[in-house]
All heavy atoms as atom14 arrays in JSON, in Angstrom:
{
  "sequence": "MRYTLLLLLLVSAVGPAVGRAEPLRVFASVVPIRTCVERVGGEHVDA",
  "atom14_mask": [
    [1, 1, 1, 1, 1, 1, 1, 1, 0, 0, 0, 0, 0, 0],
    [1, 1, 1, 1, 1, 1, 1, 1, 1, 1, 1, 0, 0, 0],
    [1, 1, 1, 1, 1, 1, 1, 1, 1, 1, 1, 1, 0, 0],
    [1, 1, 1, 1, 1, 1, 1, 0, 0, 0, 0, 0, 0, 0],
    [1, 1, 1, 1, 1, 1, 1, 1, 0, 0, 0, 0, 0, 0],
    [1, 1, 1, 1, 1, 1, 1, 1, 0, 0, 0, 0, 0, 0],
    [1, 1, 1, 1, 1, 1, 1, 1, 0, 0, 0, 0, 0, 0],
    [1, 1, 1, 1, 1, 1, 1, 1, 0, 0, 0, 0, 0, 0],
    [1, 1, 1, 1, 1, 1, 1, 1, 0, 0, 0, 0, 0, 0],
    [1, 1, 1, 1, 1, 1, 1, 1, 0, 0, 0, 0, 0, 0],
    [1, 1, 1, 1, 1, 1, 1, 0, 0, 0, 0, 0, 0, 0],
    [1, 1, 1, 1, 1, 1, 0, 0, 0, 0, 0, 0, 0, 0],
    [1, 1, 1, 1, 1, 0, 0, 0, 0, 0, 0, 0, 0, 0],
    [1, 1, 1, 1, 1, 1, 1, 0, 0, 0, 0, 0, 0, 0],
    [1, 1, 1, 1, 0, 0, 0, 0, 0, 0, 0, 0, 0, 0],
    [1, 1, 1, 1, 1, 1, 1, 0, 0, 0, 0, 0, 0, 0],
    [1, 1, 1, 1, 1, 0, 0, 0, 0, 0, 0, 0, 0, 0],
    [1, 1, 1, 1, 1, 1, 1, 0, 0, 0, 0, 0, 0, 0],
    [1, 1, 1, 1, 0, 0, 0, 0, 0, 0, 0, 0, 0, 0],
    [1, 1, 1, 1, 1, 1, 1, 1, 1, 1, 1, 0, 0, 0],
    [1, 1, 1, 1, 1, 0, 0, 0, 0, 0, 0, 0, 0, 0],
    [1, 1, 1, 1, 1, 1, 1, 1, 1, 0, 0, 0, 0, 0],
    [1, 1, 1, 1, 1, 1, 1, 0, 0, 0, 0, 0, 0, 0],
    [1, 1, 1, 1, 1, 1, 1, 1, 0, 0, 0, 0, 0, 0],
    [1, 1, 1, 1, 1, 1, 1, 1, 1, 1, 1, 0, 0, 0],
    [1, 1, 1, 1, 1, 1, 1, 0, 0, 0, 0, 0, 0, 0],
    [1, 1, 1, 1, 1, 1, 1, 1, 1, 1, 1, 0, 0, 0],
    [1, 1, 1, 1, 1, 0, 0, 0, 0, 0, 0, 0, 0, 0],
    [1, 1, 1, 1, 1, 1, 0, 0, 0, 0, 0, 0, 0, 0],
    [1, 1, 1, 1, 1, 1, 1, 0, 0, 0, 0, 0, 0, 0],
    [1, 1, 1, 1, 1, 1, 1, 0, 0, 0, 0, 0, 0, 0],
    [1, 1, 1, 1, 1, 1, 1, 0, 0, 0, 0, 0, 0, 0],
    [1, 1, 1, 1, 1, 1, 1, 1, 0, 0, 0, 0, 0, 0],
    [1, 1, 1, 1, 1, 1, 1, 1, 1, 1, 1, 0, 0, 0],
    [1, 1, 1, 1, 1, 1, 1, 0, 0, 0, 0, 0, 0, 0],
    [1, 1, 1, 1, 1, 1, 0, 0, 0, 0, 0, 0, 0, 0],
    [1, 1, 1, 1, 1, 1, 1, 0, 0, 0, 0, 0, 0, 0],
    [1, 1, 1, 1, 1, 1, 1, 1, 1, 0, 0, 0, 0, 0],
    [1, 1, 1, 1, 1, 1, 1, 1, 1, 1, 1, 0, 0, 0],
    [1, 1, 1, 1, 1, 1, 1, 0, 0, 0, 0, 0, 0, 0],
    [1, 1, 1, 1, 0, 0, 0, 0, 0, 0, 0, 0, 0, 0],
    [1, 1, 1, 1, 0, 0, 0, 0, 0, 0, 0, 0, 0, 0],
    [1, 1, 1, 1, 1, 1, 1, 1, 1, 0, 0, 0, 0, 0],
    [1, 1, 1, 1, 1, 1, 1, 1, 1, 1, 0, 0, 0, 0],
    [1, 1, 1, 1, 1, 1, 1, 0, 0, 0, 0, 0, 0, 0],
    [1, 1, 1, 1, 1, 1, 1, 1, 0, 0, 0, 0, 0, 0],
    [1, 1, 1, 1, 1, 0, 0, 0, 0, 0, 0, 0, 0, 0]
  ],
  "atom14_positions": [
    [[-14.94, -1.19, -0.27], [-14.07, -2.3, 0.12], [-14.81, -3.24, 1.08], [-14.73, -4.45, 0.97], [-12.8, -1.74, 0.78], [-11.81, -2.83, 1.22], [-11.11, -3.68, -0.21], [-10.02, -4.83, 0.57], [0.0, 0.0, 0.0], [0.0, 0.0, 0.0], [0.0, 0.0, 0.0], [0.0, 0.0, 0.0], [0.0, 0.0, 0.0], [0.0, 0.0, 0.0]],
    [[-15.56, -2.61, 2.06], [-16.29, -3.4, 3.02], [-17.34, -4.28, 2.32], [-17.52, -5.45, 2.65], [-16.97, -2.48, 4.03], [-17.69, -3.24, 5.14], [-18.17, -2.3, 6.22], [-19.07, -1.3, 5.65], [-19.51, -0.25, 6.33], [-19.09, -0.05, 7.57], [-20.34, 0.61, 5.77], [0.0, 0.0, 0.0], [0.0, 0.0, 0.0], [0.0, 0.0, 0.0]],
    [[-18.05, -3.72, 1.32], [-19.07, -4.48, 0.58], [-18.43, -5.59, -0.26], [-18.97, -6.68, -0.4], [-19.89, -3.56, -0.32], [-20.7, -2.56, 0.49], [-20.39, -1.21, 0.49], [-21.78, -2.99, 1.26], [-21.12, -0.31, 1.24], [-22.53, -2.09, 2.01], [-22.19, -0.75, 2.01], [-22.91, 0.14, 2.75], [0.0, 0.0, 0.0], [0.0, 0.0, 0.0]],
    [[-17.25, -5.3, -0.82], [-16.54, -6.31, -1.61], [-16.14, -7.48, -0.73], [-16.29, -8.66, -1.11], [-15.28, -5.7, -2.27], [-15.66, -4.62, -3.07], [-14.55, -6.74, -3.1], [0.0, 0.0, 0.0], [0.0, 0.0, 0.0], [0.0, 0.0, 0.0], [0.0, 0.0, 0.0], [0.0, 0.0, 0.0], [0.0, 0.0, 0.0], [0.0, 0.0, 0.0]],
    [[-15.64, -7.18, 0.49], [-15.25, -8.24, 1.41], [-16.45, -9.08, 1.83], [-16.38, -10.31, 1.9], [-14.59, -7.61, 2.65], [-14.11, -8.6, 3.73], [-13.08, -9.56, 3.15], [-13.53, -7.85, 4.91], [0.0, 0.0, 0.0], [0.0, 0.0, 0.0], [0.0, 0.0, 0.0], [0.0, 0.0, 0.0], [0.0, 0.0, 0.0], [0.0, 0.0, 0.0]],
    [[-17.58, -8.4, 2.09], [-18.8, -9.12, 2.47], [-19.24, -10.06, 1.36], [-19.64, -11.2, 1.59], [-19.9, -8.12, 2.8], [-21.26, -8.72, 3.21], [-21.11, -9.59, 4.45], [-22.28, -7.62, 3.44], [0.0, 0.0, 0.0], [0.0, 0.0, 0.0], [0.0, 0.0, 0.0], [0.0, 0.0, 0.0], [0.0, 0.0, 0.0], [0.0, 0.0, 0.0]],
    [[-19.17, -9.57, 0.11], [-19.56, -10.39, -1.03], [-18.66, -11.62, -1.15], [-19.12, -12.74, -1.41], [-19.49, -9.56, -2.31], [-19.86, -10.28, -3.61], [-21.31, -10.78, -3.53], [-19.69, -9.36, -4.82], [0.0, 0.0, 0.0], [0.0, 0.0, 0.0], [0.0, 0.0, 0.0], [0.0, 0.0, 0.0], [0.0, 0.0, 0.0], [0.0, 0.0, 0.0]],
    [[-17.35, -11.42, -0.94], [-16.41, -12.54, -1.02], [-16.7, -13.59, 0.05], [-16.62, -14.79, -0.2], [-14.97, -12.04, -0.89], [-14.41, -11.28, -2.1], [-13.05, -10.66, -1.76], [-14.3, -12.19, -3.31], [0.0, 0.0, 0.0], [0.0, 0.0, 0.0], [0.0, 0.0, 0.0], [0.0, 0.0, 0.0], [0.0, 0.0, 0.0], [0.0, 0.0, 0.0]],
    [[-17.05, -13.1, 1.25], [-17.38, -14.03, 2.33], [-18.62, -14.84, 2.02], [-18.7, -16.04, 2.28], [-17.57, -13.25, 3.64], [-16.3, -12.68, 4.28], [-16.66, -11.79, 5.44], [-15.39, -13.82, 4.74], [0.0, 0.0, 0.0], [0.0, 0.0, 0.0], [0.0, 0.0, 0.0], [0.0, 0.0, 0.0], [0.0, 0.0, 0.0], [0.0, 0.0, 0.0]],
    [[-19.63, -14.17, 1.42], [-20.86, -14.88, 1.06], [-20.6, -15.93, -0.01], [-21.1, -17.06, 0.06], [-21.91, -13.88, 0.57], [-22.56, -13.01, 1.65], [-23.4, -11.91, 1.01], [-23.43, -13.85, 2.58], [0.0, 0.0, 0.0], [0.0, 0.0, 0.0], [0.0, 0.0, 0.0], [0.0, 0.0, 0.0], [0.0, 0.0, 0.0], [0.0, 0.0, 0.0]],
    [[-19.81, -15.57, -1.01], [-19.48, -16.51, -2.08], [-18.72, -17.7, -1.53], [-18.95, -18.85, -1.88], [-18.66, -15.8, -3.19], [-18.12, -16.84, -4.17], [-19.53, -14.79, -3.92], [0.0, 0.0, 0.0], [0.0, 0.0, 0.0], [0.0, 0.0, 0.0], [0.0, 0.0, 0.0], [0.0, 0.0, 0.0], [0.0, 0.0, 0.0], [0.0, 0.0, 0.0]],
    [[-17.78, -17.4, -0.58], [-17.01, -18.47, 0.03], [-17.9, -19.43, 0.81], [-17.7, -20.64, 0.81], [-15.95, -17.88, 0.96], [-15.26, -18.91, 1.63], [0.0, 0.0, 0.0], [0.0, 0.0, 0.0], [0.0, 0.0, 0.0], [0.0, 0.0, 0.0], [0.0, 0.0, 0.0], [0.0, 0.0, 0.0], [0.0, 0.0, 0.0], [0.0, 0.0, 0.0]],
    [[-18.92, -18.87, 1.48], [-19.8, -19.68, 2.3], [-20.67, -20.61, 1.48], [-20.91, -21.76, 1.85], [-20.68, -18.79, 3.17], [0.0, 0.0, 0.0], [0.0, 0.0, 0.0], [0.0, 0.0, 0.0], [0.0, 0.0, 0.0], [0.0, 0.0, 0.0], [0.0, 0.0, 0.0], [0.0, 0.0, 0.0], [0.0, 0.0, 0.0], [0.0, 0.0, 0.0]],
    [[-21.16, -20.13, 0.34], [-22.08, -20.94, -0.48], [-21.37, -21.66, -1.59], [-21.92, -22.56, -2.2], [-23.22, -20.07, -1.07], [-23.98, -19.39, 0.04], [-22.69, -19.04, -2.07], [0.0, 0.0, 0.0], [0.0, 0.0, 0.0], [0.0, 0.0, 0.0], [0.0, 0.0, 0.0], [0.0, 0.0, 0.0], [0.0, 0.0, 0.0], [0.0, 0.0, 0.0]],
    [[-20.12, -21.31, -1.83], [-19.4, -21.86, -2.97], [-19.35, -23.37, -3.03], [-19.63, -23.97, -4.06], [0.0, 0.0, 0.0], [0.0, 0.0, 0.0], [0.0, 0.0, 0.0], [0.0, 0.0, 0.0], [0.0, 0.0, 0.0], [0.0, 0.0, 0.0], [0.0, 0.0, 0.0], [0.0, 0.0, 0.0], [0.0, 0.0, 0.0], [0.0, 0.0, 0.0]],
    [[-19.0, -24.05, -1.93], [-18.92, -25.5, -1.99], [-20.22, -26.18, -2.36], [-20.22, -27.3, -2.87], [-18.51, -25.88, -0.55], [-17.83, -24.66, -0.03], [-18.56, -23.51, -0.64], [0.0, 0.0, 0.0], [0.0, 0.0, 0.0], [0.0, 0.0, 0.0], [0.0, 0.0, 0.0], [0.0, 0.0, 0.0], [0.0, 0.0, 0.0], [0.0, 0.0, 0.0]],
    [[-21.36, -25.52, -2.08], [-22.65, -26.14, -2.4], [-23.02, -25.95, -3.86], [-23.86, -26.67, -4.39], [-23.75, -25.53, -1.52], [0.0, 0.0, 0.0], [0.0, 0.0, 0.0], [0.0, 0.0, 0.0], [0.0, 0.0, 0.0], [0.0, 0.0, 0.0], [0.0, 0.0, 0.0], [0.0, 0.0, 0.0], [0.0, 0.0, 0.0], [0.0, 0.0, 0.0]],
    [[-22.38, -24.95, -4.52], [-22.72, -24.68, -5.91], [-22.27, -25.85, -6.79], [-21.12, -26.29, -6.72], [-22.07, -23.37, -6.38], [-22.31, -23.17, -7.88], [-22.62, -22.19, -5.59], [0.0, 0.0, 0.0], [0.0, 0.0, 0.0], [0.0, 0.0, 0.0], [0.0, 0.0, 0.0], [0.0, 0.0, 0.0], [0.0, 0.0, 0.0], [0.0, 0.0, 0.0]],
    [[-23.16, -26.37, -7.56], [-22.83, -27.46, -8.47], [-22.81, -28.84, -7.8], [-22.54, -29.82, -8.46], [0.0, 0.0, 0.0], [0.0, 0.0, 0.0], [0.0, 0.0, 0.0], [0.0, 0.0, 0.0], [0.0, 0.0, 0.0], [0.0, 0.0, 0.0], [0.0, 0.0, 0.0], [0.0, 0.0, 0.0], [0.0, 0.0, 0.0], [0.0, 0.0, 0.0]],
    [[-23.04, -28.88, -6.5], [-23.05, -30.17, -5.82], [-24.27, -30.97, -6.25], [-25.4, -30.49, -6.16], [-23.05, -29.97, -4.31], [-23.08, -31.28, -3.54], [-23.08, -31.04, -2.05], [-21.83, -30.43, -1.62], [-21.63, -29.95, -0.39], [-22.62, -29.97, 0.49], [-20.47, -29.42, -0.06], [0.0, 0.0, 0.0], [0.0, 0.0, 0.0], [0.0, 0.0, 0.0]],
    [[-24.04, -32.2, -6.69], [-25.14, -33.03, -7.17], [-25.98, -33.52, -5.99], [-25.46, -33.79, -4.9], [-24.6, -34.22, -7.94], [0.0, 0.0, 0.0], [0.0, 0.0, 0.0], [0.0, 0.0, 0.0], [0.0, 0.0, 0.0], [0.0, 0.0, 0.0], [0.0, 0.0, 0.0], [0.0, 0.0, 0.0], [0.0, 0.0, 0.0], [0.0, 0.0, 0.0]],
    [[-27.27, -33.6, -6.21], [-28.16, -34.18, -5.2], [-27.83, -35.67, -5.06], [-27.51, -36.33, -6.03], [-29.6, -34.02, -5.64], [-30.14, -32.6, -5.56], [-30.51, -32.21, -4.14], [-30.98, -33.09, -3.39], [-30.3, -31.04, -3.79], [0.0, 0.0, 0.0], [0.0, 0.0, 0.0], [0.0, 0.0, 0.0], [0.0, 0.0, 0.0], [0.0, 0.0, 0.0]],
    [[-27.9, -36.21, -3.84], [-27.7, -37.66, -3.69], [-28.75, -38.42, -4.5], [-29.87, -37.95, -4.69], [-27.9, -37.89, -2.19], [-27.7, -36.56, -1.55], [-28.16, -35.54, -2.55], [0.0, 0.0, 0.0], [0.0, 0.0, 0.0], [0.0, 0.0, 0.0], [0.0, 0.0, 0.0], [0.0, 0.0, 0.0], [0.0, 0.0, 0.0], [0.0, 0.0, 0.0]],
    [[-28.38, -39.58, -4.97], [-29.32, -40.43, -5.69], [-30.38, -40.94, -4.72], [-30.05, -41.55, -3.7], [-28.59, -41.63, -6.31], [-27.47, -41.35, -7.31], [-26.78, -42.67, -7.69], [-28.01, -40.66, -8.55], [0.0, 0.0, 0.0], [0.0, 0.0, 0.0], [0.0, 0.0, 0.0], [0.0, 0.0, 0.0], [0.0, 0.0, 0.0], [0.0, 0.0, 0.0]],
    [[-31.63, -40.69, -5.02], [-32.68, -41.24, -4.17], [-32.94, -42.67, -4.6], [-33.29, -42.94, -5.75], [-33.96, -40.42, -4.25], [-35.07, -40.99, -3.35], [-36.29, -40.11, -3.29], [-35.99, -38.83, -2.64], [-36.87, -37.85, -2.46], [-38.12, -38.02, -2.91], [-36.52, -36.74, -1.87], [0.0, 0.0, 0.0], [0.0, 0.0, 0.0], [0.0, 0.0, 0.0]],
    [[-32.77, -43.58, -3.65], [-32.93, -45.01, -3.92], [-33.9, -45.6, -2.9], [-33.7, -45.44, -1.69], [-31.58, -45.75, -3.84], [-31.77, -47.24, -4.11], [-30.57, -45.14, -4.82], [0.0, 0.0, 0.0], [0.0, 0.0, 0.0], [0.0, 0.0, 0.0], [0.0, 0.0, 0.0], [0.0, 0.0, 0.0], [0.0, 0.0, 0.0], [0.0, 0.0, 0.0]],
    [[-34.93, -46.27, -3.4], [-35.83, -47.01, -2.52], [-35.44, -48.48, -2.54], [-35.07, -49.02, -3.59], [-37.28, -46.87, -2.99], [-38.03, -45.73, -2.35], [-37.96, -44.45, -2.88], [-38.78, -45.94, -1.21], [-38.63, -43.39, -2.29], [-39.47, -44.88, -0.61], [-39.4, -43.61, -1.15], [0.0, 0.0, 0.0], [0.0, 0.0, 0.0], [0.0, 0.0, 0.0]],
    [[-35.51, -49.12, -1.39], [-35.28, -50.55, -1.27], [-36.5, -51.2, -0.65], [-37.23, -50.56, 0.11], [-34.05, -50.84, -0.41], [0.0, 0.0, 0.0], [0.0, 0.0, 0.0], [0.0, 0.0, 0.0], [0.0, 0.0, 0.0], [0.0, 0.0, 0.0], [0.0, 0.0, 0.0], [0.0, 0.0, 0.0], [0.0, 0.0, 0.0], [0.0, 0.0, 0.0]],
    [[-36.73, -52.46, -0.95], [-37.89, -53.17, -0.42], [-37.96, -53.09, 1.1], [-38.98, -52.72, 1.67], [-37.84, -54.65, -0.81], [-37.85, -54.84, -2.18], [0.0, 0.0, 0.0], [0.0, 0.0, 0.0], [0.0, 0.0, 0.0], [0.0, 0.0, 0.0], [0.0, 0.0, 0.0], [0.0, 0.0, 0.0], [0.0, 0.0, 0.0], [0.0, 0.0, 0.0]],
    [[-36.85, -53.47, 1.75], [-36.84, -53.63, 3.2], [-35.58, -53.0, 3.79], [-34.62, -52.71, 3.08], [-36.92, -55.12, 3.59], [-38.3, -55.7, 3.27], [-35.82, -55.93, 2.92], [0.0, 0.0, 0.0], [0.0, 0.0, 0.0], [0.0, 0.0, 0.0], [0.0, 0.0, 0.0], [0.0, 0.0, 0.0], [0.0, 0.0, 0.0], [0.0, 0.0, 0.0]],
    [[-35.58, -52.85, 5.09], [-34.5, -52.15, 5.78], [-33.12, -52.79, 5.55], [-32.15, -52.07, 5.3], [-34.82, -52.03, 7.28], [-33.6, -51.53, 8.06], [-36.0, -51.08, 7.49], [0.0, 0.0, 0.0], [0.0, 0.0, 0.0], [0.0, 0.0, 0.0], [0.0, 0.0, 0.0], [0.0, 0.0, 0.0], [0.0, 0.0, 0.0], [0.0, 0.0, 0.0]],
    [[-32.96, -54.12, 5.63], [-31.61, -54.67, 5.4], [-31.05, -54.38, 4.01], [-29.84, -54.19, 3.86], [-31.81, -56.19, 5.61], [-33.0, -56.28, 6.5], [-33.91, -55.17, 6.07], [0.0, 0.0, 0.0], [0.0, 0.0, 0.0], [0.0, 0.0, 0.0], [0.0, 0.0, 0.0], [0.0, 0.0, 0.0], [0.0, 0.0, 0.0], [0.0, 0.0, 0.0]],
    [[-31.91, -54.33, 3.0], [-31.44, -53.97, 1.67], [-31.08, -52.49, 1.62], [-30.1, -52.08, 0.99], [-32.5, -54.31, 0.59], [-32.83, -55.81, 0.64], [-32.0, -53.93, -0.79], [-31.69, -56.73, 0.32], [0.0, 0.0, 0.0], [0.0, 0.0, 0.0], [0.0, 0.0, 0.0], [0.0, 0.0, 0.0], [0.0, 0.0, 0.0], [0.0, 0.0, 0.0]],
    [[-31.86, -51.66, 2.31], [-31.51, -50.24, 2.42], [-30.14, -50.08, 3.06], [-29.32, -49.25, 2.63], [-32.55, -49.5, 3.24], [-32.29, -47.99, 3.35], [-33.06, -47.35, 4.48], [-32.58, -47.8, 5.79], [-33.2, -47.54, 6.93], [-34.34, -46.87, 6.94], [-32.7, -47.98, 8.06], [0.0, 0.0, 0.0], [0.0, 0.0, 0.0], [0.0, 0.0, 0.0]],
    [[-29.86, -50.86, 4.09], [-28.56, -50.81, 4.75], [-27.44, -51.1, 3.76], [-26.4, -50.42, 3.75], [-28.5, -51.82, 5.92], [-29.49, -51.46, 6.89], [-27.13, -51.83, 6.58], [0.0, 0.0, 0.0], [0.0, 0.0, 0.0], [0.0, 0.0, 0.0], [0.0, 0.0, 0.0], [0.0, 0.0, 0.0], [0.0, 0.0, 0.0], [0.0, 0.0, 0.0]],
    [[-27.64, -52.09, 2.91], [-26.65, -52.44, 1.89], [-26.44, -51.28, 0.92], [-25.3, -50.93, 0.58], [-27.09, -53.7, 1.15], [-25.84, -54.38, 0.04], [0.0, 0.0, 0.0], [0.0, 0.0, 0.0], [0.0, 0.0, 0.0], [0.0, 0.0, 0.0], [0.0, 0.0, 0.0], [0.0, 0.0, 0.0], [0.0, 0.0, 0.0], [0.0, 0.0, 0.0]],
    [[-27.53, -50.65, 0.49], [-27.43, -49.49, -0.4], [-26.66, -48.36, 0.27], [-25.8, -47.71, -0.34], [-28.83, -49.01, -0.84], [-28.75, -47.72, -1.64], [-29.54, -50.09, -1.65], [0.0, 0.0, 0.0], [0.0, 0.0, 0.0], [0.0, 0.0, 0.0], [0.0, 0.0, 0.0], [0.0, 0.0, 0.0], [0.0, 0.0, 0.0], [0.0, 0.0, 0.0]],
    [[-26.96, -48.11, 1.53], [-26.28, -47.05, 2.28], [-24.79, -47.32, 2.39], [-23.97, -46.4, 2.25], [-26.88, -46.92, 3.67], [-28.28, -46.31, 3.7], [-28.9, -46.35, 5.07], [-28.54, -47.23, 5.9], [-29.78, -45.5, 5.33], [0.0, 0.0, 0.0], [0.0, 0.0, 0.0], [0.0, 0.0, 0.0], [0.0, 0.0, 0.0], [0.0, 0.0, 0.0]],
    [[-24.43, -48.57, 2.67], [-23.02, -48.89, 2.87], [-22.23, -48.73, 1.57], [-21.08, -48.31, 1.58], [-22.87, -50.31, 3.4], [-23.38, -50.51, 4.82], [-22.66, -49.59, 5.81], [-21.23, -49.69, 5.71], [-20.48, -50.58, 6.37], [-21.07, -51.43, 7.22], [-19.18, -50.62, 6.22], [0.0, 0.0, 0.0], [0.0, 0.0, 0.0], [0.0, 0.0, 0.0]],
    [[-22.83, -49.08, 0.45], [-22.15, -48.95, -0.84], [-22.21, -47.52, -1.35], [-21.21, -46.98, -1.84], [-22.76, -49.92, -1.87], [-22.13, -49.7, -3.24], [-22.56, -51.36, -1.42], [0.0, 0.0, 0.0], [0.0, 0.0, 0.0], [0.0, 0.0, 0.0], [0.0, 0.0, 0.0], [0.0, 0.0, 0.0], [0.0, 0.0, 0.0], [0.0, 0.0, 0.0]],
    [[-23.37, -46.88, -1.23], [-23.55, -45.55, -1.79], [-22.98, -44.43, -0.95], [-22.61, -43.38, -1.48], [0.0, 0.0, 0.0], [0.0, 0.0, 0.0], [0.0, 0.0, 0.0], [0.0, 0.0, 0.0], [0.0, 0.0, 0.0], [0.0, 0.0, 0.0], [0.0, 0.0, 0.0], [0.0, 0.0, 0.0], [0.0, 0.0, 0.0], [0.0, 0.0, 0.0]],
    [[-22.92, -44.63, 0.36], [-22.38, -43.6, 1.23], [-23.15, -42.29, 1.12], [-24.37, -42.27, 1.0], [0.0, 0.0, 0.0], [0.0, 0.0, 0.0], [0.0, 0.0, 0.0], [0.0, 0.0, 0.0], [0.0, 0.0, 0.0], [0.0, 0.0, 0.0], [0.0, 0.0, 0.0], [0.0, 0.0, 0.0], [0.0, 0.0, 0.0], [0.0, 0.0, 0.0]],
    [[-22.42, -41.2, 1.11], [-23.04, -39.87, 1.09], [-23.69, -39.54, -0.24], [-24.42, -38.55, -0.36], [-21.98, -38.8, 1.39], [-20.87, -38.71, 0.34], [-19.84, -37.65, 0.67], [-20.07, -36.88, 1.62], [-18.82, -37.6, -0.03], [0.0, 0.0, 0.0], [0.0, 0.0, 0.0], [0.0, 0.0, 0.0], [0.0, 0.0, 0.0], [0.0, 0.0, 0.0]],
    [[-23.46, -40.38, -1.23], [-23.99, -40.09, -2.57], [-25.38, -40.67, -2.8], [-25.92, -40.57, -3.91], [-23.03, -40.61, -3.64], [-21.63, -40.1, -3.48], [-21.33, -38.75, -3.44], [-20.45, -40.77, -3.31], [-20.01, -38.61, -3.27], [-19.47, -39.8, -3.19], [0.0, 0.0, 0.0], [0.0, 0.0, 0.0], [0.0, 0.0, 0.0], [0.0, 0.0, 0.0]],
    [[-25.96, -41.31, -1.78], [-27.31, -41.85, -1.93], [-28.21, -41.37, -0.79], [-27.75, -41.12, 0.32], [-27.32, -43.4, -1.97], [-26.52, -43.93, -3.14], [-26.84, -43.99, -0.65], [0.0, 0.0, 0.0], [0.0, 0.0, 0.0], [0.0, 0.0, 0.0], [0.0, 0.0, 0.0], [0.0, 0.0, 0.0], [0.0, 0.0, 0.0], [0.0, 0.0, 0.0]],
    [[-29.46, -41.23, -1.13], [-30.53, -40.99, -0.15], [-31.36, -42.26, -0.16], [-32.27, -42.41, -0.98], [-31.35, -39.76, -0.57], [-32.65, -39.61, 0.22], [-32.79, -40.26, 1.27], [-33.52, -38.84, -0.23], [0.0, 0.0, 0.0], [0.0, 0.0, 0.0], [0.0, 0.0, 0.0], [0.0, 0.0, 0.0], [0.0, 0.0, 0.0], [0.0, 0.0, 0.0]],
    [[-30.99, -43.21, 0.7], [-31.6, -44.54, 0.68], [-32.79, -44.61, 1.63], [-32.71, -44.16, 2.77], [-30.57, -45.6, 1.05], [0.0, 0.0, 0.0], [0.0, 0.0, 0.0], [0.0, 0.0, 0.0], [0.0, 0.0, 0.0], [0.0, 0.0, 0.0], [0.0, 0.0, 0.0], [0.0, 0.0, 0.0], [0.0, 0.0, 0.0], [0.0, 0.0, 0.0]]
  ]
}
């Protein structure tokens, strides 16, 4: 029972990361354009 509970805790801890898509890596010429990409893309981009 103790091992089963430990396994459930581990699955719960990593579960949200499973299947999570990597942010879109986007390069911009200059910093102000990067800022625009960040504002539109939010957490879904690596600008």
